[in-house]
PDB file of N, CA and C in Angstrom:
ATOM      1  N   UNK A   1      31.257  20.942 -11.777  1.00  0.00           N
ATOM      2  CA  UNK A   1      29.855  20.930 -12.146  1.00  0.00           C
ATOM      3  C   UNK A   1      28.996  21.589 -11.071  1.00  0.00           C
ATOM      4  N   UNK A   2      29.333  21.320  -9.812  1.00  0.00           N
ATOM      5  CA  UNK A   2      28.512  21.898  -8.750  1.00  0.00           C
ATOM      6  C   UNK A   2      28.632  23.419  -8.729  1.00  0.00           C
ATOM      7  N   UNK A   3      29.836  23.941  -9.028  1.00  0.00           N
ATOM      8  CA  UNK A   3      30.009  25.393  -9.069  1.00  0.00           C
ATOM      9  C   UNK A   3      29.208  25.992 -10.227  1.00  0.00           C
ATOM     10  N   UNK A   4      29.216  25.336 -11.373  1.00  0.00           N
ATOM     11  CA  UNK A   4      28.446  25.797 -12.516  1.00  0.00           C
ATOM     12  C   UNK A   4      26.953  25.802 -12.199  1.00  0.00           C
ATOM     13  N   UNK A   5      26.478  24.739 -11.553  1.00  0.00           N
ATOM     14  CA  UNK A   5      25.063  24.663 -11.179  1.00  0.00           C
ATOM     15  C   UNK A   5      24.697  25.772 -10.198  1.00  0.00           C
ATOM     16  N   UNK A   6      25.584  26.060  -9.255  1.00  0.00           N
ATOM     17  CA  UNK A   6      25.333  27.121  -8.283  1.00  0.00           C
ATOM     18  C   UNK A   6      25.334  28.489  -8.954  1.00  0.00           C
ATOM     19  N   UNK A   7      26.305  28.721  -9.844  1.00  0.00           N
ATOM     20  CA  UNK A   7      26.397  30.006 -10.539  1.00  0.00           C
ATOM     21  C   UNK A   7      25.165  30.285 -11.388  1.00  0.00           C
ATOM     22  N   UNK A   8      24.616  29.265 -12.002  1.00  0.00           N
ATOM     23  CA  UNK A   8      23.467  29.439 -12.896  1.00  0.00           C
ATOM     24  C   UNK A   8      22.121  29.295 -12.194  1.00  0.00           C
ATOM     25  N   UNK A   9      22.148  28.977 -10.909  1.00  0.00           N
ATOM     26  CA  UNK A   9      20.905  28.845 -10.154  1.00  0.00           C
ATOM     27  C   UNK A   9      20.184  27.529 -10.393  1.00  0.00           C
ATOM     28  N   UNK A  10      20.915  26.490 -10.763  1.00  0.00           N
ATOM     29  CA  UNK A  10      20.313  25.202 -11.059  1.00  0.00           C
ATOM     30  C   UNK A  10      20.324  24.248  -9.882  1.00  0.00           C
ATOM     31  N   UNK A  11      20.953  24.605  -8.811  1.00  0.00           N
ATOM     32  CA  UNK A  11      21.134  23.670  -7.690  1.00  0.00           C
ATOM     33  C   UNK A  11      19.809  23.120  -7.178  1.00  0.00           C
ATOM     34  N   UNK A  12      18.844  23.997  -6.974  1.00  0.00           N
ATOM     35  CA  UNK A  12      17.546  23.547  -6.449  1.00  0.00           C
ATOM     36  C   UNK A  12      16.853  22.615  -7.432  1.00  0.00           C
ATOM     37  N   UNK A  13      16.893  22.931  -8.704  1.00  0.00           N
ATOM     38  CA  UNK A  13      16.246  22.080  -9.703  1.00  0.00           C
ATOM     39  C   UNK A  13      16.916  20.717  -9.807  1.00  0.00           C
ATOM     40  N   UNK A  14      18.228  20.695  -9.703  1.00  0.00           N
ATOM     41  CA  UNK A  14      18.938  19.417  -9.748  1.00  0.00           C
ATOM     42  C   UNK A  14      18.605  18.559  -8.530  1.00  0.00           C
ATOM     43  N   UNK A  15      18.518  19.192  -7.386  1.00  0.00           N
ATOM     44  CA  UNK A  15      18.168  18.469  -6.166  1.00  0.00           C
ATOM     45  C   UNK A  15      16.737  17.946  -6.261  1.00  0.00           C
ATOM     46  N   UNK A  16      15.824  18.782  -6.757  1.00  0.00           N
ATOM     47  CA  UNK A  16      14.445  18.339  -6.935  1.00  0.00           C
ATOM     48  C   UNK A  16      14.375  17.178  -7.921  1.00  0.00           C
ATOM     49  N   UNK A  17      15.169  17.237  -8.968  1.00  0.00           N
ATOM     50  CA  UNK A  17      15.198  16.176  -9.965  1.00  0.00           C
ATOM     51  C   UNK A  17      15.667  14.849  -9.412  1.00  0.00           C
ATOM     52  N   UNK A  18      16.505  14.879  -8.396  1.00  0.00           N
ATOM     53  CA  UNK A  18      16.964  13.641  -7.767  1.00  0.00           C
ATOM     54  C   UNK A  18      15.807  12.902  -7.110  1.00  0.00           C
ATOM     55  N   UNK A  19      14.867  13.644  -6.547  1.00  0.00           N
ATOM     56  CA  UNK A  19      13.712  13.013  -5.906  1.00  0.00           C
ATOM     57  C   UNK A  19      12.913  12.235  -6.951  1.00  0.00           C
ATOM     58  N   UNK A  20      12.690  12.835  -8.118  1.00  0.00           N
ATOM     59  CA  UNK A  20      11.918  12.176  -9.164  1.00  0.00           C
ATOM     60  C   UNK A  20      12.730  11.057  -9.829  1.00  0.00           C
ATOM     61  N   UNK A  21      14.002  11.303 -10.083  1.00  0.00           N
ATOM     62  CA  UNK A  21      14.842  10.333 -10.767  1.00  0.00           C
ATOM     63  C   UNK A  21      15.165   9.102  -9.952  1.00  0.00           C
ATOM     64  N   UNK A  22      15.253   9.257  -8.645  1.00  0.00           N
ATOM     65  CA  UNK A  22      15.618   8.141  -7.773  1.00  0.00           C
ATOM     66  C   UNK A  22      14.453   7.690  -6.898  1.00  0.00           C
ATOM     67  N   UNK A  23      13.244   7.936  -7.318  1.00  0.00           N
ATOM     68  CA  UNK A  23      12.068   7.667  -6.505  1.00  0.00           C
ATOM     69  C   UNK A  23      12.028   6.223  -5.991  1.00  0.00           C
ATOM     70  N   UNK A  24      12.218   5.259  -6.878  1.00  0.00           N
ATOM     71  CA  UNK A  24      12.147   3.851  -6.461  1.00  0.00           C
ATOM     72  C   UNK A  24      13.241   3.523  -5.451  1.00  0.00           C
ATOM     73  N   UNK A  25      14.411   4.080  -5.638  1.00  0.00           N
ATOM     74  CA  UNK A  25      15.516   3.843  -4.706  1.00  0.00           C
ATOM     75  C   UNK A  25      15.257   4.515  -3.358  1.00  0.00           C
ATOM     76  N   UNK A  26      14.631   5.685  -3.380  1.00  0.00           N
ATOM     77  CA  UNK A  26      14.386   6.432  -2.148  1.00  0.00           C
ATOM     78  C   UNK A  26      13.323   5.784  -1.267  1.00  0.00           C
ATOM     79  N   UNK A  27      12.222   5.350  -1.875  1.00  0.00           N
ATOM     80  CA  UNK A  27      11.089   4.865  -1.084  1.00  0.00           C
ATOM     81  C   UNK A  27      10.943   3.353  -1.089  1.00  0.00           C
ATOM     82  N   UNK A  28      11.674   2.677  -1.947  1.00  0.00           N
ATOM     83  CA  UNK A  28      11.563   1.220  -2.044  1.00  0.00           C
ATOM     84  C   UNK A  28      10.708   0.816  -3.236  1.00  0.00           C
ATOM     85  N   UNK A  29      10.988  -0.366  -3.753  1.00  0.00           N
ATOM     86  CA  UNK A  29      10.307  -0.842  -4.959  1.00  0.00           C
ATOM     87  C   UNK A  29       8.801  -1.013  -4.769  1.00  0.00           C
ATOM     88  N   UNK A  30       8.397  -1.560  -3.628  1.00  0.00           N
ATOM     89  CA  UNK A  30       6.970  -1.816  -3.408  1.00  0.00           C
ATOM     90  C   UNK A  30       6.167  -0.521  -3.361  1.00  0.00           C
ATOM     91  N   UNK A  31       6.667   0.458  -2.640  1.00  0.00           N
ATOM     92  CA  UNK A  31       5.970   1.748  -2.562  1.00  0.00           C
ATOM     93  C   UNK A  31       5.978   2.429  -3.930  1.00  0.00           C
ATOM     94  N   UNK A  32       7.092   2.355  -4.639  1.00  0.00           N
ATOM     95  CA  UNK A  32       7.204   3.003  -5.950  1.00  0.00           C
ATOM     96  C   UNK A  32       6.249   2.402  -6.973  1.00  0.00           C
ATOM     97  N   UNK A  33       5.890   1.123  -6.813  1.00  0.00           N
ATOM     98  CA  UNK A  33       4.921   0.498  -7.718  1.00  0.00           C
ATOM     99  C   UNK A  33       3.539   1.110  -7.577  1.00  0.00           C
ATOM    100  N   UNK A  34       3.232   1.598  -6.394  1.00  0.00           N
ATOM    101  CA  UNK A  34       1.881   2.065  -6.103  1.00  0.00           C
ATOM    102  C   UNK A  34       1.770   3.566  -5.881  1.00  0.00           C
ATOM    103  N   UNK A  35       2.868   4.288  -5.994  1.00  0.00           N
ATOM    104  CA  UNK A  35       2.837   5.737  -5.773  1.00  0.00           C
ATOM    105  C   UNK A  35       3.887   6.421  -6.639  1.00  0.00           C
ATOM    106  N   UNK A  36       3.519   7.536  -7.230  1.00  0.00           N
ATOM    107  CA  UNK A  36       4.432   8.297  -8.076  1.00  0.00           C
ATOM    108  C   UNK A  36       4.449   9.756  -7.650  1.00  0.00           C
ATOM    109  N   UNK A  37       5.621  10.376  -7.634  1.00  0.00           N
ATOM    110  CA  UNK A  37       5.675  11.807  -7.324  1.00  0.00           C
ATOM    111  C   UNK A  37       5.092  12.609  -8.485  1.00  0.00           C
ATOM    112  N   UNK A  38       4.343  13.646  -8.165  1.00  0.00           N
ATOM    113  CA  UNK A  38       3.702  14.476  -9.183  1.00  0.00           C
ATOM    114  C   UNK A  38       4.396  15.822  -9.293  1.00  0.00           C
ATOM    115  N   UNK A  39       4.629  16.463  -8.155  1.00  0.00           N
ATOM    116  CA  UNK A  39       5.279  17.774  -8.168  1.00  0.00           C
ATOM    117  C   UNK A  39       6.001  18.012  -6.853  1.00  0.00           C
ATOM    118  N   UNK A  40       6.961  18.918  -6.925  1.00  0.00           N
ATOM    119  CA  UNK A  40       7.706  19.334  -5.737  1.00  0.00           C
ATOM    120  C   UNK A  40       7.836  20.845  -5.802  1.00  0.00           C
ATOM    121  N   UNK A  41       7.131  21.514  -4.891  1.00  0.00           N
ATOM    122  CA  UNK A  41       7.131  22.975  -4.899  1.00  0.00           C
ATOM    123  C   UNK A  41       7.211  23.477  -3.469  1.00  0.00           C
ATOM    124  N   UNK A  42       8.173  24.334  -3.215  1.00  0.00           N
ATOM    125  CA  UNK A  42       8.365  24.951  -1.894  1.00  0.00           C
ATOM    126  C   UNK A  42       8.475  23.909  -0.779  1.00  0.00           C
ATOM    127  N   UNK A  43       9.162  22.809  -1.057  1.00  0.00           N
ATOM    128  CA  UNK A  43       9.379  21.780  -0.051  1.00  0.00           C
ATOM    129  C   UNK A  43       8.222  20.829   0.146  1.00  0.00           C
ATOM    130  N   UNK A  44       7.158  20.979  -0.629  1.00  0.00           N
ATOM    131  CA  UNK A  44       6.002  20.086  -0.513  1.00  0.00           C
ATOM    132  C   UNK A  44       5.960  19.150  -1.709  1.00  0.00           C
ATOM    133  N   UNK A  45       6.088  17.864  -1.436  1.00  0.00           N
ATOM    134  CA  UNK A  45       6.067  16.834  -2.466  1.00  0.00           C
ATOM    135  C   UNK A  45       4.659  16.289  -2.579  1.00  0.00           C
ATOM    136  N   UNK A  46       4.086  16.374  -3.769  1.00  0.00           N
ATOM    137  CA  UNK A  46       2.765  15.825  -4.029  1.00  0.00           C
ATOM    138  C   UNK A  46       2.944  14.445  -4.644  1.00  0.00           C
ATOM    139  N   UNK A  47       2.264  13.463  -4.064  1.00  0.00           N
ATOM    140  CA  UNK A  47       2.380  12.071  -4.500  1.00  0.00           C
ATOM    141  C   UNK A  47       0.992  11.552  -4.832  1.00  0.00           C
ATOM    142  N   UNK A  48       0.872  10.834  -5.958  1.00  0.00           N
ATOM    143  CA  UNK A  48      -0.396  10.223  -6.349  1.00  0.00           C
ATOM    144  C   UNK A  48      -0.296   8.713  -6.164  1.00  0.00           C
ATOM    145  N   UNK A  49      -1.214   8.151  -5.380  1.00  0.00           N
ATOM    146  CA  UNK A  49      -1.257   6.716  -5.118  1.00  0.00           C
ATOM    147  C   UNK A  49      -2.213   6.040  -6.093  1.00  0.00           C
ATOM    148  N   UNK A  50      -2.008   4.738  -6.320  1.00  0.00           N
ATOM    149  CA  UNK A  50      -2.846   4.009  -7.266  1.00  0.00           C
ATOM    150  C   UNK A  50      -4.204   3.636  -6.701  1.00  0.00           C
ATOM    151  N   UNK A  51      -4.344   3.642  -5.385  1.00  0.00           N
ATOM    152  CA  UNK A  51      -5.628   3.308  -4.761  1.00  0.00           C
ATOM    153  C   UNK A  51      -5.763   4.090  -3.460  1.00  0.00           C
ATOM    154  N   UNK A  52      -6.970   4.116  -2.950  1.00  0.00           N
ATOM    155  CA  UNK A  52      -7.190   4.810  -1.680  1.00  0.00           C
ATOM    156  C   UNK A  52      -6.509   4.070  -0.535  1.00  0.00           C
ATOM    157  N   UNK A  53      -6.423   2.749  -0.644  1.00  0.00           N
ATOM    158  CA  UNK A  53      -5.739   1.973   0.387  1.00  0.00           C
ATOM    159  C   UNK A  53      -4.248   2.343   0.434  1.00  0.00           C
ATOM    160  N   UNK A  54      -3.631   2.490  -0.730  1.00  0.00           N
ATOM    161  CA  UNK A  54      -2.221   2.878  -0.757  1.00  0.00           C
ATOM    162  C   UNK A  54      -2.040   4.319  -0.310  1.00  0.00           C
ATOM    163  N   UNK A  55      -2.992   5.170  -0.589  1.00  0.00           N
ATOM    164  CA  UNK A  55      -2.901   6.554  -0.110  1.00  0.00           C
ATOM    165  C   UNK A  55      -2.898   6.577   1.413  1.00  0.00           C
ATOM    166  N   UNK A  56      -3.755   5.767   2.024  1.00  0.00           N
ATOM    167  CA  UNK A  56      -3.793   5.671   3.483  1.00  0.00           C
ATOM    168  C   UNK A  56      -2.484   5.113   4.019  1.00  0.00           C
ATOM    169  N   UNK A  57      -1.969   4.071   3.370  1.00  0.00           N
ATOM    170  CA  UNK A  57      -0.701   3.472   3.792  1.00  0.00           C
ATOM    171  C   UNK A  57       0.437   4.487   3.717  1.00  0.00           C
ATOM    172  N   UNK A  58       0.469   5.273   2.647  1.00  0.00           N
ATOM    173  CA  UNK A  58       1.518   6.288   2.497  1.00  0.00           C
ATOM    174  C   UNK A  58       1.413   7.367   3.572  1.00  0.00           C
ATOM    175  N   UNK A  59       0.197   7.712   3.948  1.00  0.00           N
ATOM    176  CA  UNK A  59       0.032   8.704   5.015  1.00  0.00           C
ATOM    177  C   UNK A  59       0.589   8.166   6.330  1.00  0.00           C
ATOM    178  N   UNK A  60       0.420   6.874   6.552  1.00  0.00           N
ATOM    179  CA  UNK A  60       0.962   6.260   7.769  1.00  0.00           C
ATOM    180  C   UNK A  60       2.488   6.181   7.728  1.00  0.00           C
ATOM    181  N   UNK A  61       3.047   5.983   6.544  1.00  0.00           N
ATOM    182  CA  UNK A  61       4.498   5.870   6.375  1.00  0.00           C
ATOM    183  C   UNK A  61       5.176   7.212   6.112  1.00  0.00           C
ATOM    184  N   UNK A  62       4.431   8.276   6.099  1.00  0.00           N
ATOM    185  CA  UNK A  62       4.948   9.582   5.701  1.00  0.00           C
ATOM    186  C   UNK A  62       6.199   9.995   6.473  1.00  0.00           C
ATOM    187  N   UNK A  63       6.223   9.832   7.758  1.00  0.00           N
ATOM    188  CA  UNK A  63       7.392  10.210   8.561  1.00  0.00           C
ATOM    189  C   UNK A  63       8.636   9.438   8.159  1.00  0.00           C
ATOM    190  N   UNK A  64       8.484   8.135   7.949  1.00  0.00           N
ATOM    191  CA  UNK A  64       9.615   7.304   7.540  1.00  0.00           C
ATOM    192  C   UNK A  64      10.097   7.677   6.136  1.00  0.00           C
ATOM    193  N   UNK A  65       9.152   7.951   5.237  1.00  0.00           N
ATOM    194  CA  UNK A  65       9.534   8.322   3.874  1.00  0.00           C
ATOM    195  C   UNK A  65      10.272   9.658   3.851  1.00  0.00           C
ATOM    196  N   UNK A  66       9.820  10.617   4.643  1.00  0.00           N
ATOM    197  CA  UNK A  66      10.503  11.914   4.702  1.00  0.00           C
ATOM    198  C   UNK A  66      11.928  11.759   5.223  1.00  0.00           C
ATOM    199  N   UNK A  67      12.108  10.874   6.199  1.00  0.00           N
ATOM    200  CA  UNK A  67      13.446  10.624   6.740  1.00  0.00           C
ATOM    201  C   UNK A  67      14.350  10.003   5.685  1.00  0.00           C
ATOM    202  N   UNK A  68      13.849   8.999   4.953  1.00  0.00           N
ATOM    203  CA  UNK A  68      14.636   8.353   3.898  1.00  0.00           C
ATOM    204  C   UNK A  68      15.029   9.349   2.810  1.00  0.00           C
ATOM    205  N   UNK A  69      14.098  10.193   2.409  1.00  0.00           N
ATOM    206  CA  UNK A  69      14.374  11.186   1.364  1.00  0.00           C
ATOM    207  C   UNK A  69      15.403  12.190   1.853  1.00  0.00           C
ATOM    208  N   UNK A  70      15.278  12.629   3.103  1.00  0.00           N
ATOM    209  CA  UNK A  70      16.224  13.601   3.662  1.00  0.00           C
ATOM    210  C   UNK A  70      17.637  13.045   3.722  1.00  0.00           C
ATOM    211  N   UNK A  71      17.769  11.779   4.083  1.00  0.00           N
ATOM    212  CA  UNK A  71      19.093  11.160   4.154  1.00  0.00           C
ATOM    213  C   UNK A  71      19.716  11.067   2.761  1.00  0.00           C
ATOM    214  N   UNK A  72      18.914  10.753   1.758  1.00  0.00           N
ATOM    215  CA  UNK A  72      19.436  10.525   0.410  1.00  0.00           C
ATOM    216  C   UNK A  72      19.726  11.814  -0.361  1.00  0.00           C
ATOM    217  N   UNK A  73      18.831  12.796  -0.314  1.00  0.00           N
ATOM    218  CA  UNK A  73      19.006  13.994  -1.148  1.00  0.00           C
ATOM    219  C   UNK A  73      19.311  15.257  -0.357  1.00  0.00           C
ATOM    220  N   UNK A  74      19.175  15.206   0.953  1.00  0.00           N
ATOM    221  CA  UNK A  74      19.491  16.371   1.775  1.00  0.00           C
ATOM    222  C   UNK A  74      18.301  16.839   2.586  1.00  0.00           C
ATOM    223  N   UNK A  75      18.609  17.385   3.735  1.00  0.00           N
ATOM    224  CA  UNK A  75      17.562  17.882   4.629  1.00  0.00           C
ATOM    225  C   UNK A  75      16.985  19.182   4.084  1.00  0.00           C
ATOM    226  N   UNK A  76      15.684  19.339   4.203  1.00  0.00           N
ATOM    227  CA  UNK A  76      15.018  20.555   3.767  1.00  0.00           C
ATOM    228  C   UNK A  76      14.561  20.544   2.321  1.00  0.00           C
ATOM    229  N   UNK A  77      14.935  19.530   1.549  1.00  0.00           N
ATOM    230  CA  UNK A  77      14.479  19.455   0.159  1.00  0.00           C
ATOM    231  C   UNK A  77      12.991  19.132   0.139  1.00  0.00           C
ATOM    232  N   UNK A  78      12.594  18.094   0.867  1.00  0.00           N
ATOM    233  CA  UNK A  78      11.183  17.737   1.019  1.00  0.00           C
ATOM    234  C   UNK A  78      10.843  17.902   2.489  1.00  0.00           C
ATOM    235  N   UNK A  79      10.005  18.890   2.785  1.00  0.00           N
ATOM    236  CA  UNK A  79       9.639  19.177   4.170  1.00  0.00           C
ATOM    237  C   UNK A  79       8.334  18.503   4.568  1.00  0.00           C
ATOM    238  N   UNK A  80       7.449  18.333   3.599  1.00  0.00           N
ATOM    239  CA  UNK A  80       6.153  17.709   3.869  1.00  0.00           C
ATOM    240  C   UNK A  80       5.661  17.023   2.596  1.00  0.00           C
ATOM    241  N   UNK A  81       4.715  16.128   2.777  1.00  0.00           N
ATOM    242  CA  UNK A  81       4.151  15.399   1.647  1.00  0.00           C
ATOM    243  C   UNK A  81       2.651  15.609   1.606  1.00  0.00           C
ATOM    244  N   UNK A  82       2.135  15.733   0.408  1.00  0.00           N
ATOM    245  CA  UNK A  82       0.688  15.777   0.182  1.00  0.00           C
ATOM    246  C   UNK A  82       0.371  14.539  -0.650  1.00  0.00           C
ATOM    247  N   UNK A  83      -0.458  13.677  -0.117  1.00  0.00           N
ATOM    248  CA  UNK A  83      -0.734  12.398  -0.754  1.00  0.00           C
ATOM    249  C   UNK A  83      -2.175  12.379  -1.240  1.00  0.00           C
ATOM    250  N   UNK A  84      -2.335  12.038  -2.521  1.00  0.00           N
ATOM    251  CA  UNK A  84      -3.656  11.951  -3.146  1.00  0.00           C
ATOM    252  C   UNK A  84      -3.900  10.526  -3.611  1.00  0.00           C
ATOM    253  N   UNK A  85      -5.153  10.118  -3.537  1.00  0.00           N
ATOM    254  CA  UNK A  85      -5.546   8.832  -4.096  1.00  0.00           C
ATOM    255  C   UNK A  85      -5.884   9.017  -5.567  1.00  0.00           C
ATOM    256  N   UNK A  86      -6.401   7.990  -6.196  1.00  0.00           N
ATOM    257  CA  UNK A  86      -6.783   8.116  -7.609  1.00  0.00           C
ATOM    258  C   UNK A  86      -7.969   9.064  -7.754  1.00  0.00           C
ATOM    259  N   UNK A  87      -8.072   9.695  -8.899  1.00  0.00           N
ATOM    260  CA  UNK A  87      -9.183  10.613  -9.119  1.00  0.00           C
ATOM    261  C   UNK A  87     -10.435   9.829  -9.470  1.00  0.00           C
ATOM    262  N   UNK A  88     -11.550  10.275  -8.943  1.00  0.00           N
ATOM    263  CA  UNK A  88     -12.835   9.613  -9.173  1.00  0.00           C
ATOM    264  C   UNK A  88     -13.530  10.219 -10.382  1.00  0.00           C
ATOM    265  N   UNK A  89     -14.361   9.453 -11.050  1.00  0.00           N
ATOM    266  CA  UNK A  89     -15.100  10.013 -12.186  1.00  0.00           C
ATOM    267  C   UNK A  89     -16.127  11.029 -11.704  1.00  0.00           C
ATOM    268  N   UNK A  90     -16.400  11.993 -12.518  1.00  0.00           N
ATOM    269  CA  UNK A  90     -17.366  13.026 -12.160  1.00  0.00           C
ATOM    270  C   UNK A  90     -18.771  12.595 -12.557  1.00  0.00           C
ATOM    271  N   UNK A  91     -19.718  12.830 -11.669  1.00  0.00           N
ATOM    272  CA  UNK A  91     -21.121  12.538 -11.981  1.00  0.00           C
ATOM    273  C   UNK A  91     -21.770  13.722 -12.661  1.00  0.00           C
ATOM    274  N   UNK A  92     -21.075  14.838 -12.697  1.00  0.00           N
ATOM    275  CA  UNK A  92     -21.630  16.055 -13.273  1.00  0.00           C
ATOM    276  C   UNK A  92     -21.454  16.008 -14.785  1.00  0.00           C
ATOM    277  N   UNK A  93     -22.579  15.953 -15.486  1.00  0.00           N
ATOM    278  CA  UNK A  93     -22.526  15.844 -16.935  1.00  0.00           C
ATOM    279  C   UNK A  93     -23.457  16.863 -17.571  1.00  0.00           C
ATOM    280  N   UNK A  94     -23.071  17.398 -18.698  1.00  0.00           N
ATOM    281  CA  UNK A  94     -23.923  18.313 -19.439  1.00  0.00           C
ATOM    282  C   UNK A  94     -23.818  19.742 -18.979  1.00  0.00           C
ATOM    283  N   UNK A  95     -24.334  20.631 -19.825  1.00  0.00           N
ATOM    284  CA  UNK A  95     -24.279  22.061 -19.541  1.00  0.00           C
ATOM    285  C   UNK A  95     -25.258  22.452 -18.445  1.00  0.00           C
ATOM    286  N   UNK A  96     -26.394  21.782 -18.385  1.00  0.00           N
ATOM    287  CA  UNK A  96     -27.403  22.091 -17.367  1.00  0.00           C
ATOM    288  C   UNK A  96     -27.344  21.022 -16.291  1.00  0.00           C
ATOM    289  N   UNK A  97     -27.034  21.464 -15.111  1.00  0.00           N
ATOM    290  CA  UNK A  97     -26.853  20.525 -14.013  1.00  0.00           C
ATOM    291  C   UNK A  97     -27.800  20.893 -12.886  1.00  0.00           C
ATOM    292  N   UNK A  98     -28.511  19.899 -12.356  1.00  0.00           N
ATOM    293  CA  UNK A  98     -29.397  20.112 -11.226  1.00  0.00           C
ATOM    294  C   UNK A  98     -28.634  19.733  -9.967  1.00  0.00           C
ATOM    295  N   UNK A  99     -28.617  20.634  -8.999  1.00  0.00           N
ATOM    296  CA  UNK A  99     -27.884  20.329  -7.765  1.00  0.00           C
ATOM    297  C   UNK A  99     -28.578  19.209  -7.011  1.00  0.00           C
ATOM    298  N   UNK A 100     -27.831  18.515  -6.244  1.00  0.00           N
ATOM    299  CA  UNK A 100     -28.362  17.390  -5.486  1.00  0.00           C
ATOM    300  C   UNK A 100     -27.510  16.158  -5.714  1.00  0.00           C
ATOM    301  N   UNK A 101     -27.976  15.035  -5.247  1.00  0.00           N
ATOM    302  CA  UNK A 101     -27.199  13.817  -5.326  1.00  0.00           C
ATOM    303  C   UNK A 101     -27.203  13.205  -6.717  1.00  0.00           C
ATOM    304  N   UNK A 102     -28.114  13.590  -7.565  1.00  0.00           N
ATOM    305  CA  UNK A 102     -28.098  13.109  -8.932  1.00  0.00           C
ATOM    306  C   UNK A 102     -28.489  11.653  -9.048  1.00  0.00           C
ATOM    307  N   UNK A 103     -27.792  10.875  -9.876  1.00  0.00           N
ATOM    308  CA  UNK A 103     -28.214   9.499 -10.149  1.00  0.00           C
ATOM    309  C   UNK A 103     -28.115   8.570  -8.955  1.00  0.00           C
ATOM    310  N   UNK A 104     -27.450   8.981  -7.896  1.00  0.00           N
ATOM    311  CA  UNK A 104     -27.341   8.144  -6.710  1.00  0.00           C
ATOM    312  C   UNK A 104     -28.476   8.386  -5.728  1.00  0.00           C
ATOM    313  N   UNK A 105     -29.352   9.345  -6.016  1.00  0.00           N
ATOM    314  CA  UNK A 105     -30.437   9.705  -5.117  1.00  0.00           C
ATOM    315  C   UNK A 105     -31.593   8.730  -5.312  1.00  0.00           C
ATOM    316  N   UNK A 106     -31.817   7.860  -4.355  1.00  0.00           N
ATOM    317  CA  UNK A 106     -32.882   6.881  -4.469  1.00  0.00           C
ATOM    318  C   UNK A 106     -34.015   7.113  -3.472  1.00  0.00           C
ATOM    319  N   UNK A 107     -33.897   8.149  -2.652  1.00  0.00           N
ATOM    320  CA  UNK A 107     -34.914   8.418  -1.638  1.00  0.00           C
ATOM    321  C   UNK A 107     -35.636   9.708  -1.951  1.00  0.00           C
ATOM    322  N   UNK A 108     -36.940   9.633  -2.112  1.00  0.00           N
ATOM    323  CA  UNK A 108     -37.840  10.754  -2.246  1.00  0.00           C
ATOM    324  C   UNK A 108     -37.448  11.721  -3.247  1.00  0.00           C
TER     325      UNK A 108
END
């Protein structure tokens, strides 16, 4: 199977798929509950956290997580991580938008 994957150029995709398929095993159950991998491109793994607090925690644990992933799936598969918190709602509404702070502007 490995020779077939190499011949067809699937090796990188299979290795990348291991990161997504084994995410909970790689990073631990607690981290996996609060963070999910989004994409893996050119060695950069993008992870979305459920809260800003977990995003901060993941940034602090980033070195340890990279080491765990490297041991499990191979060195060089994930070289760096980009961690995002949850997306915030947009205050920009409608076709005509006035620049400035908008509805949060309470001074002058």
